[in-house]
């Protein structure tokens, strides 16, 4: 028996766009990362297309993600990622017992009300009003239902025994007739859906009509873009596994009665601050023995931390020597502080994510490095998948005395052409900087590096960033909830994780789909480190005679 406690966090290279609704493809991503580095784009495409033809959508999705990272020049790859993502989301939804239970608990009338609410609210809130027209939402929902009827798991779960030919005939009618029926508003959508339910029962005999309606709900949401998705009540606010240390960069595995280190994420807090390595055997956690203790032992041990840390006692895989490792309960978002070159005063910091605590963490770390003689900072954003948007704005303010940071574009008043600027003035940190970025730098992290680049505040080294310049909002639905208790919104009806804004750099360049291009392109991580230090040395020598303002 093997139990993996893998990354639930945002693993962009393979599952950035799955958001909160599904677990990440961390294991697949790590397995493919080296392969993607060795393979050329043609090989990746061939394997992805082969997986797609075989209906292995999870593999196809992972490969298309790596192809997108490896080759931004192919115009169809992002659409391939989006298409395979929708298939993966649907397949996982059909396997999800929580979603199955939710579906079976709903009467048809409730799902019709839920669908009408989605059709009413999405056009008002989604970033692109044209794309969210009821007609487009209806067509995306029909497409989702058509795909579902091609999945034997869905057919067996929700249809009465019927012939393959009857199901295929109904699917043909969906594509040729129902998808193009006029739907101008939520009221027409609800009425047309009632007609569709009647036709579906005549042709296929659904055991549970709610399953059909929910496919249209999910399709309307996920058809908008790769970030928008319907989350049923059980998945709207997922909780992390007890014992998960993926935010620290530590992956664990239980196999044959032993807990071991399954891997350490490159560039993570654990990579910078521990000596843990893959295959190290865990002997004790917080004083609790892990020897033949069972797969639940780790979760139980995590209930009793030692102060503000978890204390791991591990046997080294090669030396079989026991060592003690202290792991903080909350993963620091800023770490790896060190002086790269003491003679020239080159300092280094890694920003692993953007959380509300990040601006303060970063400010303290920069001040500490300055006290150690730093004159130029290498700020590493590689692998930073973003996080809190406002934290990204505040990080930019740390280094920009004035000027525009980002502009949001959307329909909702709070994000409709709203600008975020810095007024830090003399409080801004004026240390010269080099910023390291890569294809996994995304979202709020892209806001920071775009602002630094457009204001000529840092020299950017690495690869173009991912290009997720969009802001999401949890739109709570209320159709199934008590209307007299607003605090219960979303409890029974679920939530739509919806894109409400696009992000523009200070110069007005869209971040979404384009990303941020570095000043100096370099694909190899080790060469990136060397080039960043080289550029930092140039800055140090340019600023040698310039006094650093405290």
Protein backbone atom coordinates (compact mmCIF):
# COMPACT_ATOMS: atom_id res chain seq x y z
CA UNK A 1 0.00 0.00 0.00
CA UNK A 2 1.37 3.42 -0.98
CA UNK A 3 -0.07 6.67 0.38
CA UNK A 4 1.35 9.92 -0.97
CA UNK A 5 0.99 13.29 0.71
CA UNK A 6 1.69 15.28 -2.46
CA UNK A 7 1.40 18.94 -3.34
CA UNK A 8 -2.05 20.41 -2.87
CA UNK A 9 -0.58 23.80 -3.62
CA UNK A 10 -0.65 25.46 -7.00
CA UNK A 11 1.72 23.44 -9.25
CA UNK A 12 1.70 25.59 -12.31
CA UNK A 13 3.76 23.54 -14.66
CA UNK A 14 1.10 20.88 -14.68
CA UNK A 15 -1.99 22.14 -12.87
CA UNK A 16 -1.96 25.86 -12.36
CA UNK A 17 -5.40 26.25 -13.74
CA UNK A 18 -7.15 23.62 -11.66
CA UNK A 19 -7.55 26.25 -8.93
CA UNK A 20 -9.01 25.07 -5.66
CA UNK A 21 -11.46 22.53 -6.99
CA UNK A 22 -9.11 19.62 -7.58
CA UNK A 23 -5.85 18.29 -6.20
CA UNK A 24 -2.76 19.17 -8.17
CA UNK A 25 -0.78 16.92 -10.49
CA UNK A 26 2.35 17.28 -8.39
CA UNK A 27 3.61 13.76 -8.91
CA UNK A 28 3.00 13.90 -12.65
CA UNK A 29 4.54 17.37 -12.84
CA UNK A 30 7.73 16.30 -11.09
CA UNK A 31 7.95 13.17 -13.21
CA UNK A 32 7.52 15.14 -16.42
CA UNK A 33 9.66 18.13 -15.52
CA UNK A 34 12.97 16.49 -16.36
CA UNK A 35 11.46 14.77 -19.37
CA UNK A 36 10.19 18.08 -20.70
CA UNK A 37 13.64 19.53 -20.30
CA UNK A 38 15.17 16.73 -22.33
CA UNK A 39 12.52 16.45 -25.01
CA UNK A 40 11.99 18.84 -27.84
CA UNK A 41 8.65 20.42 -28.61
CA UNK A 42 7.87 18.01 -31.44
CA UNK A 43 8.29 15.00 -29.16
CA UNK A 44 6.09 16.51 -26.49
CA UNK A 45 3.38 17.33 -29.01
CA UNK A 46 3.46 13.81 -30.47
CA UNK A 47 3.06 12.25 -27.04
CA UNK A 48 0.32 14.71 -26.03
CA UNK A 49 -1.67 14.09 -29.21
CA UNK A 50 -1.30 10.32 -28.76
CA UNK A 51 -2.61 10.56 -25.19
CA UNK A 52 -5.50 12.72 -26.41
CA UNK A 53 -6.49 10.15 -29.06
CA UNK A 54 -6.44 7.42 -26.42
CA UNK A 55 -8.68 9.47 -24.13
CA UNK A 56 -5.95 9.74 -21.49
CA UNK A 57 -6.76 13.35 -20.76
CA UNK A 58 -4.76 13.70 -17.56
CA UNK A 59 -1.57 12.68 -19.34
CA UNK A 60 -2.46 14.86 -22.33
CA UNK A 61 -3.08 17.83 -20.06
CA UNK A 62 0.25 17.42 -18.29
CA UNK A 63 2.13 17.12 -21.57
CA UNK A 64 0.37 20.10 -23.15
CA UNK A 65 1.23 22.17 -20.06
CA UNK A 66 4.88 21.25 -20.45
CA UNK A 67 4.72 21.94 -24.16
CA UNK A 68 3.29 25.38 -23.41
CA UNK A 69 6.17 26.03 -21.02
CA UNK A 70 8.74 24.68 -23.47
CA UNK A 71 7.44 26.45 -26.58
CA UNK A 72 5.42 29.67 -26.44
CA UNK A 73 5.58 30.12 -30.22
CA UNK A 74 2.99 27.45 -31.06
CA UNK A 75 -0.27 29.41 -31.42
CA UNK A 76 -2.63 26.54 -30.58
CA UNK A 77 -0.99 25.19 -27.44
CA UNK A 78 -2.77 27.36 -24.89
CA UNK A 79 -6.10 26.31 -26.43
CA UNK A 80 -4.95 22.68 -26.26
CA UNK A 81 -4.21 23.19 -22.56
CA UNK A 82 -7.66 24.68 -21.98
CA UNK A 83 -9.43 21.93 -23.93
CA UNK A 84 -7.68 19.09 -22.13
CA UNK A 85 -8.17 20.86 -18.80
CA UNK A 86 -11.95 20.88 -19.28
CA UNK A 87 -11.86 17.16 -20.00
CA UNK A 88 -9.78 16.51 -16.88
CA UNK A 89 -12.09 18.60 -14.73
CA UNK A 90 -15.08 16.70 -16.03
CA UNK A 91 -13.51 13.28 -15.54
CA UNK A 92 -12.50 14.10 -11.99
CA UNK A 93 -15.95 15.49 -11.28
CA UNK A 94 -17.52 12.24 -12.44
CA UNK A 95 -15.20 10.25 -10.15
CA UNK A 96 -15.72 12.57 -7.18
CA UNK A 97 -17.98 10.88 -4.63
CA UNK A 98 -18.75 14.22 -3.04
CA UNK A 99 -20.01 15.58 -6.36
CA UNK A 100 -21.97 12.39 -7.01
CA UNK A 101 -23.65 12.71 -3.61
CA UNK A 102 -24.43 16.37 -4.28
CA UNK A 103 -25.97 15.47 -7.64
CA UNK A 104 -28.15 12.70 -6.25
CA UNK A 105 -29.39 14.92 -3.41
CA UNK A 106 -30.90 17.58 -5.68
CA UNK A 107 -34.39 17.57 -7.15
CA UNK A 108 -34.67 18.73 -10.75
CA UNK A 109 -36.39 21.97 -9.77
CA UNK A 110 -33.46 23.00 -7.57
CA UNK A 111 -30.92 22.41 -10.32
CA UNK A 112 -33.05 24.42 -12.75
CA UNK A 113 -33.03 27.32 -10.27
CA UNK A 114 -29.26 26.96 -9.85
CA UNK A 115 -28.73 27.02 -13.62
CA UNK A 116 -30.93 30.09 -14.02
CA UNK A 117 -28.92 31.89 -11.33
CA UNK A 118 -25.65 31.07 -13.10
CA UNK A 119 -27.06 32.28 -16.42
CA UNK A 120 -28.20 35.52 -14.78
CA UNK A 121 -25.10 36.37 -12.74
CA UNK A 122 -22.19 35.37 -14.99
CA UNK A 123 -22.94 37.93 -17.74
CA UNK A 124 -23.04 40.68 -15.09
CA UNK A 125 -19.79 39.83 -13.29
CA UNK A 126 -17.44 38.05 -15.72
CA UNK A 127 -14.59 40.18 -17.05
CA UNK A 128 -15.73 39.91 -20.68
CA UNK A 129 -19.45 40.64 -21.08
CA UNK A 130 -19.46 39.54 -24.73
CA UNK A 131 -17.97 36.14 -23.95
CA UNK A 132 -20.47 35.64 -21.12
CA UNK A 133 -23.58 36.26 -23.22
CA UNK A 134 -26.33 33.74 -22.35
CA UNK A 135 -26.13 32.26 -25.86
CA UNK A 136 -22.43 31.46 -25.39
CA UNK A 137 -22.98 30.06 -21.90
CA UNK A 138 -25.78 27.83 -23.21
CA UNK A 139 -23.59 26.50 -26.05
CA UNK A 140 -20.71 25.76 -23.63
CA UNK A 141 -23.09 23.85 -21.37
CA UNK A 142 -24.44 21.76 -24.26
CA UNK A 143 -20.86 20.96 -25.27
CA UNK A 144 -20.13 19.80 -21.71
CA UNK A 145 -23.18 17.53 -21.69
CA UNK A 146 -22.19 16.06 -25.05
CA UNK A 147 -18.77 15.18 -23.67
CA UNK A 148 -20.30 13.68 -20.54
CA UNK A 149 -22.48 11.36 -22.60
CA UNK A 150 -19.31 10.09 -24.25
CA UNK A 151 -18.00 8.96 -20.85
CA UNK A 152 -19.15 5.45 -19.85
CA UNK A 153 -18.80 6.33 -16.15
CA UNK A 154 -21.34 9.13 -16.49
CA UNK A 155 -23.70 7.07 -18.66
CA UNK A 156 -23.67 4.12 -16.26
CA UNK A 157 -24.17 6.33 -13.22
CA UNK A 158 -27.08 8.45 -14.42
CA UNK A 159 -28.84 6.80 -17.39
CA UNK A 160 -31.22 3.87 -17.52
CA UNK A 161 -29.79 0.96 -19.52
CA UNK A 162 -30.07 2.05 -23.13
CA UNK A 163 -28.45 1.32 -26.46
CA UNK A 164 -25.27 3.01 -27.61
CA UNK A 165 -27.04 4.11 -30.79
CA UNK A 166 -29.74 6.00 -28.87
CA UNK A 167 -27.15 7.86 -26.81
CA UNK A 168 -25.16 8.75 -29.93
CA UNK A 169 -28.32 9.95 -31.68
CA UNK A 170 -29.08 12.25 -28.76
CA UNK A 171 -25.49 13.54 -28.78
CA UNK A 172 -25.84 14.35 -32.48
CA UNK A 173 -29.04 16.28 -31.74
CA UNK A 174 -27.22 18.23 -29.02
CA UNK A 175 -24.53 19.36 -31.47
CA UNK A 176 -26.69 19.97 -34.51
CA UNK A 177 -29.85 21.40 -32.94
CA UNK A 178 -29.82 22.20 -29.24
CA UNK A 179 -26.46 24.03 -29.20
CA UNK A 180 -27.73 26.67 -31.63
CA UNK A 181 -31.19 27.25 -30.19
CA UNK A 182 -31.66 30.95 -29.33
CA UNK A 183 -31.13 31.78 -25.65
CA UNK A 184 -31.17 35.51 -24.92
CA UNK A 185 -31.49 35.59 -21.12
CA UNK A 186 -31.71 33.45 -18.01
CA UNK A 187 -35.48 33.02 -18.34
CA UNK A 188 -35.19 31.66 -21.87
CA UNK A 189 -32.31 29.44 -20.79
CA UNK A 190 -34.43 27.86 -18.06
CA UNK A 191 -37.37 27.32 -20.42
CA UNK A 192 -35.19 25.80 -23.15
CA UNK A 193 -33.50 23.56 -20.60
CA UNK A 194 -36.91 22.19 -19.58
CA UNK A 195 -37.51 21.24 -23.20
CA UNK A 196 -34.09 19.62 -23.34
CA UNK A 197 -34.88 17.54 -20.24
CA UNK A 198 -38.04 16.27 -21.88
CA UNK A 199 -36.15 15.33 -25.05
CA UNK A 200 -33.42 13.64 -23.01
CA UNK A 201 -35.96 11.49 -21.19
CA UNK A 202 -37.62 10.47 -24.44
CA UNK A 203 -34.32 9.49 -26.01
CA UNK A 204 -32.10 8.24 -23.18
CA UNK A 205 -34.09 7.98 -19.91
CA UNK A 206 -32.00 9.75 -17.26
CA UNK A 207 -32.21 8.24 -13.78
CA UNK A 208 -31.31 11.63 -12.33
CA UNK A 209 -32.10 14.71 -14.36
CA UNK A 210 -30.03 16.83 -11.97
CA UNK A 211 -26.90 15.24 -13.46
CA UNK A 212 -27.80 16.63 -16.89
CA UNK A 213 -28.47 20.12 -15.52
CA UNK A 214 -25.26 20.21 -13.51
CA UNK A 215 -23.26 19.41 -16.63
CA UNK A 216 -24.72 22.57 -18.19
CA UNK A 217 -23.90 24.53 -15.02
CA UNK A 218 -20.28 23.33 -15.04
CA UNK A 219 -19.92 23.83 -18.78
CA UNK A 220 -21.21 27.40 -18.65
CA UNK A 221 -18.56 28.24 -16.06
CA UNK A 222 -15.52 26.35 -17.37
CA UNK A 223 -16.27 27.37 -20.94
CA UNK A 224 -15.42 30.98 -20.11
CA UNK A 225 -11.70 30.45 -19.53
CA UNK A 226 -9.23 28.11 -17.89
CA UNK A 227 -9.60 29.76 -14.48
CA UNK A 228 -13.39 29.90 -14.06
CA UNK A 229 -15.04 26.82 -12.56
CA UNK A 230 -18.13 25.79 -10.63
CA UNK A 231 -17.37 24.37 -7.17
CA UNK A 232 -20.06 22.35 -5.48
CA UNK A 233 -20.48 22.96 -1.72
CA UNK A 234 -18.13 20.15 -0.76
CA UNK A 235 -15.28 21.47 -2.90
CA UNK A 236 -15.79 25.23 -2.64
CA UNK A 237 -13.55 25.57 0.38
CA UNK A 238 -11.21 22.59 0.33
CA UNK A 239 -9.08 21.99 3.37
CA UNK A 240 -5.50 20.91 3.16
CA UNK A 241 -4.52 17.44 4.24
CA UNK A 242 -3.27 17.21 7.80
CA UNK A 243 0.36 16.32 7.38
CA UNK A 244 0.81 17.96 3.99
CA UNK A 245 4.12 19.82 3.77
CA UNK A 246 4.05 20.67 0.08
CA UNK A 247 4.04 24.41 0.84
CA UNK A 248 7.45 23.84 2.42
CA UNK A 249 8.57 21.86 -0.65
CA UNK A 250 8.48 18.50 1.13
CA UNK A 251 6.65 15.51 -0.39
CA UNK A 252 6.04 12.44 1.75
CA UNK A 253 5.17 8.82 1.02
CA UNK A 254 4.01 5.89 3.17
CA UNK A 255 5.05 2.53 1.77
CA UNK A 256 5.61 -0.92 3.31
CA UNK A 257 5.15 0.34 6.86
CA UNK A 258 7.54 3.30 6.49
CA UNK A 259 7.16 7.04 6.07
CA UNK A 260 9.83 8.46 3.76
CA UNK A 261 10.71 11.67 1.97
CA UNK A 262 9.32 11.26 -1.54
CA UNK A 263 11.01 14.38 -2.89
CA UNK A 264 12.13 17.94 -2.19
CA UNK A 265 10.92 20.67 -4.53
CA UNK A 266 13.75 22.54 -6.21
CA UNK A 267 14.16 26.07 -4.87
CA UNK A 268 11.69 25.52 -2.01
CA UNK A 269 12.10 26.46 1.64
CA UNK A 270 13.12 22.87 2.41
CA UNK A 271 15.72 22.89 -0.36
CA UNK A 272 17.24 26.06 1.06
CA UNK A 273 16.98 25.35 4.79
CA UNK A 274 17.12 21.59 5.37
CA UNK A 275 19.33 18.67 4.41
CA UNK A 276 16.36 16.43 3.67
CA UNK A 277 16.64 14.32 0.54
CA UNK A 278 14.51 11.87 -1.39
CA UNK A 279 14.34 8.41 0.25
CA UNK A 280 15.27 9.66 3.75
CA UNK A 281 13.32 7.51 6.25
CA UNK A 282 11.27 9.28 8.91
CA UNK A 283 11.80 7.76 12.36
CA UNK A 284 9.84 10.14 14.59
CA UNK A 285 7.64 13.21 14.22
CA UNK A 286 7.05 15.43 17.25
CA UNK A 287 8.19 12.56 19.44
CA UNK A 288 5.82 10.02 17.87
CA UNK A 289 7.39 6.91 16.34
CA UNK A 290 6.70 6.38 12.66
CA UNK A 291 8.07 2.81 12.56
CA UNK A 292 5.26 0.48 11.39
CA UNK A 293 2.81 3.01 12.79
CA UNK A 294 0.34 2.97 9.90
CA UNK A 295 -0.67 5.53 7.28
CA UNK A 296 -2.58 7.69 9.78
CA UNK A 297 0.36 8.07 12.17
CA UNK A 298 1.71 11.21 10.49
CA UNK A 299 -1.60 13.05 10.68
CA UNK A 300 -1.88 12.14 14.36
CA UNK A 301 1.66 13.32 15.08
CA UNK A 302 0.98 16.63 13.37
CA UNK A 303 -1.71 17.31 15.96
CA UNK A 304 1.03 17.78 18.59
CA UNK A 305 3.62 20.27 17.26
CA UNK A 306 6.58 21.28 19.39
CA UNK A 307 6.09 25.00 19.89
CA UNK A 308 5.80 26.57 16.43
CA UNK A 309 7.53 23.72 14.62
CA UNK A 310 7.22 20.09 13.65
CA UNK A 311 10.28 18.14 14.74
CA UNK A 312 11.34 15.40 12.32
CA UNK A 313 13.92 12.77 13.18
CA UNK A 314 15.08 11.12 9.97
CA UNK A 315 17.60 8.53 8.86
CA UNK A 316 19.73 9.68 5.96
CA UNK A 317 19.16 7.49 2.90
CA UNK A 318 22.86 6.94 2.23
CA UNK A 319 24.57 7.31 5.60
CA UNK A 320 21.79 5.88 7.79
CA UNK A 321 22.58 8.55 10.38
CA UNK A 322 19.74 10.12 12.31
CA UNK A 323 19.33 13.89 12.21
CA UNK A 324 16.76 16.28 13.62
CA UNK A 325 14.98 18.78 11.36
CA UNK A 326 12.72 21.58 12.60
CA UNK A 327 9.96 22.53 10.16
CA UNK A 328 7.89 25.69 10.86
CA UNK A 329 4.12 25.22 11.08
CA UNK A 330 3.59 27.95 8.49
CA UNK A 331 5.87 27.93 5.48
CA UNK A 332 7.79 31.23 5.20
CA UNK A 333 7.10 33.00 1.91
CA UNK A 334 10.54 34.68 1.88
CA UNK A 335 13.58 32.51 2.48
CA UNK A 336 17.06 31.53 1.32
CA UNK A 337 18.68 34.77 2.50
CA UNK A 338 22.43 34.76 1.90
CA UNK A 339 25.35 36.83 0.64
CA UNK A 340 26.50 35.56 -2.75
CA UNK A 341 29.55 37.79 -2.98
CA UNK A 342 30.75 39.51 0.18
CA UNK A 343 33.41 41.58 -1.62
CA UNK A 344 30.85 43.19 -3.93
CA UNK A 345 27.90 43.04 -1.53
CA UNK A 346 25.62 40.80 -3.63
CA UNK A 347 22.69 39.45 -1.61
CA UNK A 348 20.04 36.86 -2.47
CA UNK A 349 16.42 36.26 -1.41
CA UNK A 350 13.75 33.94 -2.75
CA UNK A 351 10.06 34.91 -2.71
CA UNK A 352 8.28 31.56 -2.83
CA UNK A 353 4.69 32.86 -2.73
CA UNK A 354 2.75 36.03 -2.05
CA UNK A 355 0.84 36.01 1.22
CA UNK A 356 -0.39 38.85 3.47
CA UNK A 357 2.80 38.41 5.54
CA UNK A 358 5.15 38.57 2.52
CA UNK A 359 5.74 42.37 2.38
CA UNK A 360 6.82 42.45 6.03
CA UNK A 361 8.89 39.26 5.66
CA UNK A 362 10.64 40.72 2.64
CA UNK A 363 11.31 44.11 4.22
CA UNK A 364 12.88 42.50 7.29
CA UNK A 365 14.98 40.15 5.17
CA UNK A 366 16.29 43.00 3.00
CA UNK A 367 17.21 45.03 6.08
CA UNK A 368 19.03 42.04 7.56
CA UNK A 369 21.05 41.55 4.37
CA UNK A 370 21.90 45.24 4.29
CA UNK A 371 23.25 44.96 7.80
CA UNK A 372 25.49 42.18 6.46
CA UNK A 373 26.86 44.45 3.74
CA UNK A 374 24.49 43.90 0.83
CA UNK A 375 24.60 46.58 -1.86
CA UNK A 376 22.76 44.76 -4.68
CA UNK A 377 19.90 42.26 -4.31
CA UNK A 378 19.10 39.21 -6.44
CA UNK A 379 15.39 38.65 -5.87
CA UNK A 380 14.25 35.20 -7.00
CA UNK A 381 10.63 34.79 -8.19
CA UNK A 382 11.16 31.49 -10.02
CA UNK A 383 8.43 28.98 -9.26
CA UNK A 384 6.34 31.65 -7.54
CA UNK A 385 2.76 30.86 -8.52
CA UNK A 386 1.42 34.06 -7.01
CA UNK A 387 -1.13 34.15 -4.24
CA UNK A 388 -2.59 37.27 -2.69
CA UNK A 389 -3.03 40.07 -5.25
CA UNK A 390 -2.82 42.89 -2.71
CA UNK A 391 0.33 41.35 -1.23
CA UNK A 392 1.87 41.58 -4.69
CA UNK A 393 0.92 45.25 -4.89
CA UNK A 394 2.48 45.88 -1.47
CA UNK A 395 5.69 44.09 -2.47
CA UNK A 396 5.96 46.35 -5.50
CA UNK A 397 5.44 49.37 -3.25
CA UNK A 398 8.44 48.30 -1.18
CA UNK A 399 10.72 49.05 -4.13
CA UNK A 400 8.86 51.76 -6.05
CA UNK A 401 8.78 55.27 -4.54
CA UNK A 402 6.01 56.32 -6.94
CA UNK A 403 4.19 55.33 -10.09
CA UNK A 404 1.59 52.93 -11.43
CA UNK A 405 1.86 49.27 -10.41
CA UNK A 406 -1.08 47.57 -12.14
CA UNK A 407 -4.43 48.35 -13.73
CA UNK A 408 -7.44 46.06 -13.48
CA UNK A 409 -10.06 45.86 -16.24
CA UNK A 410 -13.48 44.33 -15.63
CA UNK A 411 -17.21 44.95 -15.36
CA UNK A 412 -17.56 45.08 -11.58
CA UNK A 413 -17.08 48.54 -10.09
CA UNK A 414 -14.27 47.53 -7.75
CA UNK A 415 -12.07 46.37 -10.65
CA UNK A 416 -13.40 48.43 -13.57
CA UNK A 417 -10.31 50.32 -14.83
CA UNK A 418 -8.96 50.63 -11.31
CA UNK A 419 -5.34 51.61 -10.87
CA UNK A 420 -2.99 50.59 -8.05
CA UNK A 421 -0.02 52.92 -7.53
CA UNK A 422 2.83 53.41 -5.12
CA UNK A 423 3.21 56.42 -2.87
CA UNK A 424 6.06 55.01 -0.77
CA UNK A 425 8.33 57.97 -1.48
CA UNK A 426 11.44 58.03 0.68
CA UNK A 427 10.28 54.88 2.47
CA UNK A 428 10.86 52.74 -0.64
CA UNK A 429 13.89 50.45 -0.54
CA UNK A 430 16.41 51.78 -3.05
CA UNK A 431 18.75 48.79 -3.27
CA UNK A 432 19.62 47.95 -6.92
CA UNK A 433 18.07 44.64 -8.00
CA UNK A 434 18.17 41.73 -10.38
CA UNK A 435 14.95 39.66 -10.53
CA UNK A 436 14.97 36.01 -11.53
CA UNK A 437 11.82 34.74 -13.30
CA UNK A 438 10.74 31.60 -15.13
CA UNK A 439 7.75 29.98 -16.81
CA UNK A 440 6.29 29.11 -13.40
CA UNK A 441 6.27 32.72 -12.22
CA UNK A 442 2.58 33.58 -12.33
CA UNK A 443 -0.36 35.69 -11.23
CA UNK A 444 0.41 38.16 -8.43
CA UNK A 445 4.14 37.46 -8.86
CA UNK A 446 3.81 38.65 -12.46
CA UNK A 447 2.24 41.87 -11.19
CA UNK A 448 5.39 42.52 -9.15
CA UNK A 449 7.95 41.73 -11.85
CA UNK A 450 5.98 43.61 -14.54
CA UNK A 451 6.01 46.72 -12.34
CA UNK A 452 9.73 46.34 -11.62
CA UNK A 453 10.47 45.96 -15.33
CA UNK A 454 8.29 48.80 -16.60
CA UNK A 455 9.80 51.22 -14.07
CA UNK A 456 13.35 50.03 -14.86
CA UNK A 457 13.63 49.14 -11.19
CA UNK A 458 15.21 45.72 -11.71
CA UNK A 459 17.08 43.78 -14.37
CA UNK A 460 15.05 40.68 -15.24
CA UNK A 461 16.85 37.40 -15.97
CA UNK A 462 15.37 34.02 -16.92
CA UNK A 463 12.41 32.97 -19.05
CA UNK A 464 9.05 34.59 -19.91
CA UNK A 465 6.54 34.20 -17.10
CA UNK A 466 3.43 32.02 -17.36
CA UNK A 467 0.95 34.70 -18.35
CA UNK A 468 -1.84 34.46 -15.78
CA UNK A 469 -2.82 38.10 -15.66
CA UNK A 470 -6.34 37.55 -14.36
CA UNK A 471 -8.09 38.09 -11.05
CA UNK A 472 -10.58 35.57 -9.67
CA UNK A 473 -13.46 36.06 -7.25
CA UNK A 474 -15.53 33.43 -5.41
CA UNK A 475 -19.05 34.23 -6.62
CA UNK A 476 -21.36 32.59 -4.10
CA UNK A 477 -24.61 31.19 -5.43
CA UNK A 478 -27.80 31.32 -3.39
CA UNK A 479 -30.48 29.41 -5.34
CA UNK A 480 -30.53 26.50 -2.87
CA UNK A 481 -29.88 28.51 0.31
CA UNK A 482 -32.15 30.26 2.77
CA UNK A 483 -32.76 33.70 1.22
CA UNK A 484 -33.39 35.17 4.69
CA UNK A 485 -29.89 34.29 5.87
CA UNK A 486 -27.24 35.94 3.61
CA UNK A 487 -24.48 34.48 5.78
CA UNK A 488 -25.39 31.03 4.44
CA UNK A 489 -24.79 31.98 0.79
CA UNK A 490 -22.98 29.23 -1.04
CA UNK A 491 -23.42 26.68 1.73
CA UNK A 492 -25.85 24.55 -0.29
CA UNK A 493 -25.61 26.15 -3.73
CA UNK A 494 -21.85 26.21 -4.21
CA UNK A 495 -19.55 28.83 -5.66
CA UNK A 496 -18.28 29.93 -9.04
CA UNK A 497 -14.60 30.73 -9.05
CA UNK A 498 -14.92 33.46 -11.66
CA UNK A 499 -12.48 35.67 -13.54
CA UNK A 500 -13.60 39.24 -12.86
CA UNK A 501 -10.61 41.26 -14.07
CA UNK A 502 -7.66 41.33 -16.43
CA UNK A 503 -4.37 42.82 -15.30
CA UNK A 504 -2.31 45.34 -17.25
CA UNK A 505 1.29 46.29 -16.55
CA UNK A 506 2.19 49.96 -15.85
CA UNK A 507 2.81 50.47 -19.58
CA UNK A 508 -0.62 49.05 -20.42
CA UNK A 509 0.59 45.66 -21.62
CA UNK A 510 -1.77 42.73 -20.93
CA UNK A 511 -0.17 40.11 -18.69
CA UNK A 512 -2.67 37.34 -19.41
CA UNK A 513 -1.50 35.00 -22.15
CA UNK A 514 1.68 36.99 -22.72
CA UNK A 515 3.50 37.03 -19.42
CA UNK A 516 6.54 39.19 -18.70
CA UNK A 517 9.61 38.86 -20.90
CA UNK A 518 12.98 39.12 -19.16
CA UNK A 519 15.69 41.55 -20.20
CA UNK A 520 18.10 38.62 -20.56
CA UNK A 521 16.76 35.26 -21.75
CA UNK A 522 18.28 32.10 -20.28
CA UNK A 523 16.58 28.68 -20.01
CA UNK A 524 19.03 26.73 -17.87
CA UNK A 525 18.45 27.31 -14.11
CA UNK A 526 22.14 27.12 -13.20
CA UNK A 527 23.05 29.49 -15.99
CA UNK A 528 20.27 31.80 -14.78
CA UNK A 529 21.92 31.95 -11.36
CA UNK A 530 25.29 32.74 -12.91
CA UNK A 531 23.86 35.39 -15.24
CA UNK A 532 21.91 37.02 -12.39
CA UNK A 533 25.05 37.28 -10.28
CA UNK A 534 26.95 38.67 -13.28
CA UNK A 535 24.31 41.39 -13.79
CA UNK A 536 24.29 42.09 -10.05
CA UNK A 537 28.05 42.60 -10.13
CA UNK A 538 27.62 45.10 -12.96
CA UNK A 539 25.05 46.99 -10.88
CA UNK A 540 27.30 46.87 -7.83
CA UNK A 541 30.18 48.43 -9.72
CA UNK A 542 27.93 51.05 -11.29
CA UNK A 543 26.68 52.02 -7.85
CA UNK A 544 29.94 51.63 -5.92
CA UNK A 545 30.34 55.37 -5.43
CA UNK A 546 26.66 55.88 -4.73
CA UNK A 547 25.77 55.92 -1.01
CA UNK A 548 22.99 53.57 0.02
CA UNK A 549 20.13 55.41 1.72
CA UNK A 550 19.20 53.81 5.00
